C-alpha atoms as a PDB file:
ATOM      1  CA  MET A   1      83.951 147.887 118.856  1.00  0.00           C
ATOM      2  CA  SER A   2      83.256 144.454 117.482  1.00  0.00           C
ATOM      3  CA  THR A   3      81.155 144.130 114.352  1.00  0.00           C
ATOM      4  CA  ASN A   4      80.308 140.475 114.689  1.00  0.00           C
ATOM      5  CA  THR A   5      77.170 139.903 112.617  1.00  0.00           C
ATOM      6  CA  THR A   6      77.022 136.151 113.130  1.00  0.00           C
ATOM      7  CA  PRO A   7      73.778 135.240 114.887  1.00  0.00           C
ATOM      8  CA  ALA A   8      74.123 133.370 118.139  1.00  0.00           C
ATOM      9  CA  VAL A   9      73.153 129.746 117.577  1.00  0.00           C
ATOM     10  CA  ALA A  10      72.192 127.732 120.610  1.00  0.00           C
ATOM     11  CA  ALA A  11      74.198 124.525 120.673  1.00  0.00           C
ATOM     12  CA  ALA A  12      72.359 121.306 121.355  1.00  0.00           C
ATOM     13  CA  PRO A  13      72.790 120.244 124.977  1.00  0.00           C
ATOM     14  CA  THR A  14      75.178 117.357 125.426  1.00  0.00           C
ATOM     15  CA  ALA A  15      76.255 115.248 128.355  1.00  0.00           C
ATOM     16  CA  ARG A  16      79.449 113.292 128.736  1.00  0.00           C
ATOM     17  CA  ALA A  17      81.016 110.628 130.884  1.00  0.00           C
ATOM     18  CA  ILE A  18      84.695 109.797 131.233  1.00  0.00           C
ATOM     19  CA  ALA A  19      86.287 106.692 132.703  1.00  0.00           C
ATOM     20  CA  ARG A  20      89.926 107.329 133.483  1.00  0.00           C
ATOM     21  CA  ASP A  21      92.749 104.816 133.863  1.00  0.00           C
ATOM     22  CA  VAL A  22      90.713 101.836 132.715  1.00  0.00           C
ATOM     23  CA  ARG A  23      93.016  98.827 132.715  1.00  0.00           C
ATOM     24  CA  ILE A  24      92.766  97.966 129.008  1.00  0.00           C
ATOM     25  CA  THR A  25      94.862  99.081 126.070  1.00  0.00           C
ATOM     26  CA  ALA A  26      93.555 101.975 124.015  1.00  0.00           C
ATOM     27  CA  THR A  27      93.762  99.956 120.791  1.00  0.00           C
ATOM     28  CA  LYS A  28      91.456  97.248 122.111  1.00  0.00           C
ATOM     29  CA  ALA A  29      89.006  99.786 123.546  1.00  0.00           C
ATOM     30  CA  ARG A  30      88.911 101.743 120.256  1.00  0.00           C
ATOM     31  CA  ARG A  31      87.685  98.634 118.426  1.00  0.00           C
ATOM     32  CA  VAL A  32      84.645  98.547 120.709  1.00  0.00           C
ATOM     33  CA  VAL A  33      84.008 102.308 120.706  1.00  0.00           C
ATOM     34  CA  ASP A  34      83.948 102.310 116.894  1.00  0.00           C
ATOM     35  CA  LEU A  35      80.977  99.918 117.028  1.00  0.00           C
ATOM     36  CA  VAL A  36      78.686 102.387 118.818  1.00  0.00           C
ATOM     37  CA  ARG A  37      79.689 105.804 117.495  1.00  0.00           C
ATOM     38  CA  GLY A  38      76.698 107.460 115.789  1.00  0.00           C
ATOM     39  CA  HIS A  39      74.061 105.014 117.069  1.00  0.00           C
ATOM     40  CA  SER A  40      71.221 105.776 119.441  1.00  0.00           C
ATOM     41  CA  VAL A  41      71.880 105.007 123.091  1.00  0.00           C
ATOM     42  CA  ARG A  42      69.448 102.072 123.061  1.00  0.00           C
ATOM     43  CA  GLU A  43      71.083 100.496 119.987  1.00  0.00           C
ATOM     44  CA  ALA A  44      74.571 101.106 121.381  1.00  0.00           C
ATOM     45  CA  ASP A  45      73.577  99.473 124.668  1.00  0.00           C
ATOM     46  CA  ALA A  46      72.279  96.404 122.832  1.00  0.00           C
ATOM     47  CA  ILE A  47      75.446  96.202 120.725  1.00  0.00           C
ATOM     48  CA  LEU A  48      77.711  96.440 123.766  1.00  0.00           C
ATOM     49  CA  GLN A  49      75.684  93.988 125.811  1.00  0.00           C
ATOM     50  CA  PHE A  50      76.377  91.198 123.326  1.00  0.00           C
ATOM     51  CA  ALA A  51      79.832  92.225 122.083  1.00  0.00           C
ATOM     52  CA  PRO A  52      82.399  89.508 122.858  1.00  0.00           C
ATOM     53  CA  GLN A  53      85.279  91.911 123.560  1.00  0.00           C
ATOM     54  CA  ALA A  54      86.324  92.468 127.170  1.00  0.00           C
ATOM     55  CA  ALA A  55      86.334  96.260 126.680  1.00  0.00           C
ATOM     56  CA  ALA A  56      82.588  96.232 125.960  1.00  0.00           C
ATOM     57  CA  TYR A  57      81.872  96.003 129.697  1.00  0.00           C
ATOM     58  CA  ASP A  58      83.756  99.234 130.486  1.00  0.00           C
ATOM     59  CA  VAL A  59      82.451 101.089 127.428  1.00  0.00           C
ATOM     60  CA  ARG A  60      78.876 100.110 128.321  1.00  0.00           C
ATOM     61  CA  LYS A  61      79.303 101.463 131.841  1.00  0.00           C
ATOM     62  CA  VAL A  62      80.503 104.792 130.441  1.00  0.00           C
ATOM     63  CA  LEU A  63      77.638 104.892 127.919  1.00  0.00           C
ATOM     64  CA  LEU A  64      74.992 104.310 130.585  1.00  0.00           C
ATOM     65  CA  SER A  65      76.641 106.912 132.812  1.00  0.00           C
ATOM     66  CA  ALA A  66      76.552 109.495 130.007  1.00  0.00           C
ATOM     67  CA  ALA A  67      72.871 108.708 129.382  1.00  0.00           C
ATOM     68  CA  ALA A  68      72.130 109.123 133.098  1.00  0.00           C
ATOM     69  CA  ASN A  69      74.023 112.431 133.102  1.00  0.00           C
ATOM     70  CA  ALA A  70      71.895 113.647 130.201  1.00  0.00           C
ATOM     71  CA  GLU A  71      68.722 112.585 131.965  1.00  0.00           C
ATOM     72  CA  ASN A  72      69.684 114.390 135.176  1.00  0.00           C
ATOM     73  CA  THR A  73      71.096 117.477 133.465  1.00  0.00           C
ATOM     74  CA  PHE A  74      68.465 118.380 130.873  1.00  0.00           C
ATOM     75  CA  GLY A  75      65.742 115.763 131.325  1.00  0.00           C
ATOM     76  CA  ALA A  76      66.265 113.786 128.123  1.00  0.00           C
ATOM     77  CA  SER A  77      65.229 110.159 127.999  1.00  0.00           C
ATOM     78  CA  ALA A  78      67.593 107.509 126.691  1.00  0.00           C
ATOM     79  CA  ASP A  79      65.255 106.811 123.755  1.00  0.00           C
ATOM     80  CA  GLU A  80      65.942 110.206 122.162  1.00  0.00           C
ATOM     81  CA  LEU A  81      69.706 110.337 122.776  1.00  0.00           C
ATOM     82  CA  LEU A  82      72.394 109.751 120.177  1.00  0.00           C
ATOM     83  CA  VAL A  83      76.067 108.920 120.718  1.00  0.00           C
ATOM     84  CA  ARG A  84      77.544 112.170 119.382  1.00  0.00           C
ATOM     85  CA  ALA A  85      81.193 111.419 120.022  1.00  0.00           C
ATOM     86  CA  ALA A  86      83.125 108.538 121.507  1.00  0.00           C
ATOM     87  CA  PHE A  87      86.869 108.278 121.738  1.00  0.00           C
ATOM     88  CA  VAL A  88      89.614 106.546 123.672  1.00  0.00           C
ATOM     89  CA  ASP A  89      92.865 108.165 124.736  1.00  0.00           C
ATOM     90  CA  GLU A  90      95.950 106.498 126.136  1.00  0.00           C
ATOM     91  CA  GLY A  91      96.347 106.716 129.878  1.00  0.00           C
ATOM     92  CA  SER A  92      99.355 106.139 132.046  1.00  0.00           C
ATOM     93  CA  THR A  93     101.454 103.019 131.579  1.00  0.00           C
ATOM     94  CA  TRP A  94     102.439 100.913 134.557  1.00  0.00           C
ATOM     95  CA  LYS A  95     105.966  99.580 134.253  1.00  0.00           C
ATOM     96  CA  ARG A  96     106.718  96.204 135.777  1.00  0.00           C
ATOM     97  CA  MET A  97     109.756  93.961 135.628  1.00  0.00           C
ATOM     98  CA  ARG A  98     109.794  90.235 134.946  1.00  0.00           C
ATOM     99  CA  PRO A  99     112.832  88.268 136.111  1.00  0.00           C
ATOM    100  CA  ARG A 100     114.567  86.293 133.397  1.00  0.00           C
ATOM    101  CA  SER A 101     117.531  83.982 133.290  1.00  0.00           C
ATOM    102  CA  ARG A 102     121.128  85.046 133.989  1.00  0.00           C
ATOM    103  CA  SER A 103     120.095  87.972 136.241  1.00  0.00           C
ATOM    104  CA  GLN A 104     118.253  89.737 133.478  1.00  0.00           C
ATOM    105  CA  ALA A 105     114.895  91.475 133.699  1.00  0.00           C
ATOM    106  CA  PHE A 106     112.373  92.231 130.946  1.00  0.00           C
ATOM    107  CA  ARG A 107     109.920  95.092 131.088  1.00  0.00           C
ATOM    108  CA  ILE A 108     106.183  94.540 131.158  1.00  0.00           C
ATOM    109  CA  LEU A 109     104.045  97.501 130.118  1.00  0.00           C
ATOM    110  CA  LYS A 110     100.553  97.486 131.600  1.00  0.00           C
ATOM    111  CA  ARG A 111      98.685 100.063 129.572  1.00  0.00           C
ATOM    112  CA  THR A 112      95.612 102.024 130.642  1.00  0.00           C
ATOM    113  CA  SER A 113      93.168 104.198 128.720  1.00  0.00           C
ATOM    114  CA  HIS A 114      90.636 106.995 129.175  1.00  0.00           C
ATOM    115  CA  ILE A 115      87.200 106.312 127.626  1.00  0.00           C
ATOM    116  CA  THR A 116      85.008 109.340 126.796  1.00  0.00           C
ATOM    117  CA  ILE A 117      81.452 109.221 125.450  1.00  0.00           C
ATOM    118  CA  ILE A 118      79.357 112.301 124.620  1.00  0.00           C
ATOM    119  CA  VAL A 119      75.612 111.920 124.076  1.00  0.00           C
ATOM    120  CA  GLY A 120      73.050 114.419 122.903  1.00  0.00           C
ATOM    121  CA  PRO A 121      69.567 114.579 121.456  1.00  0.00           C
ATOM    122  CA  ALA A 122      68.999 113.594 117.839  1.00  0.00           C
ATOM    123  CA  ASP A 123      68.792 116.446 115.324  1.00  0.00           C
ATOM    124  CA  GLU A 124      65.262 115.579 114.284  1.00  0.00           C
ATOM    125  CA  PRO A 125      62.672 113.249 115.777  1.00  0.00           C
ATOM    126  CA  GLY A 126      63.027 109.696 114.544  1.00  0.00           C
ATOM    127  CA  ALA A 127      66.608 110.238 113.366  1.00  0.00           C
ATOM    128  CA  ALA A 128      68.228 108.489 116.288  1.00  0.00           C
ATOM    129  CA  GLY A 129      70.148 105.441 115.213  1.00  0.00           C
ATOM    130  CA  THR A 130      69.884 105.803 111.456  1.00  0.00           C
ATOM    131  CA  LYS A 131      73.512 104.814 110.975  1.00  0.00           C
ATOM    132  CA  GLY A 132      72.887 101.117 111.418  1.00  0.00           C
ATOM    133  CA  LYS A 133      70.046 101.063 108.897  1.00  0.00           C
ATOM    134  CA  THR A 134      72.066 102.376 105.958  1.00  0.00           C
ATOM    135  CA  GLY A 135      74.673  99.665 105.866  1.00  0.00           C
ATOM    136  CA  ARG A 136      77.987  99.598 107.636  1.00  0.00           C
ATOM    137  CA  GLY A 137      78.562 103.348 107.574  1.00  0.00           C
ATOM    138  CA  ARG A 138      81.164 103.138 104.806  1.00  0.00           C
ATOM    139  CA  ALA A 139      81.020 104.739 101.397  1.00  0.00           C
ATOM    140  CA  ILE A 140      81.535 102.514  98.385  1.00  0.00           C
ATOM    141  CA  ARG A 141      84.569 103.766  96.535  1.00  0.00           C
ATOM    142  CA  SER A 142      85.030 103.386  92.839  1.00  0.00           C
ATOM    143  CA  THR A 143      88.525 102.352  91.848  1.00  0.00           C
ATOM    144  CA  GLY A 144      87.933 102.870  88.154  1.00  0.00           C
ATOM    145  CA  LYS A 145      89.270  99.410  87.354  1.00  0.00           C
ATOM    146  CA  GLY A 146      86.062  97.642  86.498  1.00  0.00           C
ATOM    147  CA  ASN A 147      84.256  95.150  88.670  1.00  0.00           C
ATOM    148  CA  ARG A 148      86.947  93.566  90.752  1.00  0.00           C
END
């Protein structure tokens, strides 16, 4: 008999969207995903709409798909959703050959990636998108070496 005394806590409902085998390297897509992690869906959409990186187009499509999934699954509007998690994994790599001089051939690696975005409601009303208002999201570290 199990004596588990931990009360059952209902997890906040989340929705996710995954784009698989997107034809962009994972490193370039991670730069864009790091811009929107922790923001509200509306702020993240505005950031991605004007981001100059090519990966912003694909990440924005995944973000809007995750928001639509949340709206259809548990009836949440995009105004109250927060980007809970966003990450990029490496996908398959297409190998191609490029002919070179003296009957040689060099390899060309065409990398792909999987983009995943998970959205959920904010913990408390009015808390959506507070990351952008507190600075850049980084803690100021003291080096102990004076004001350098």
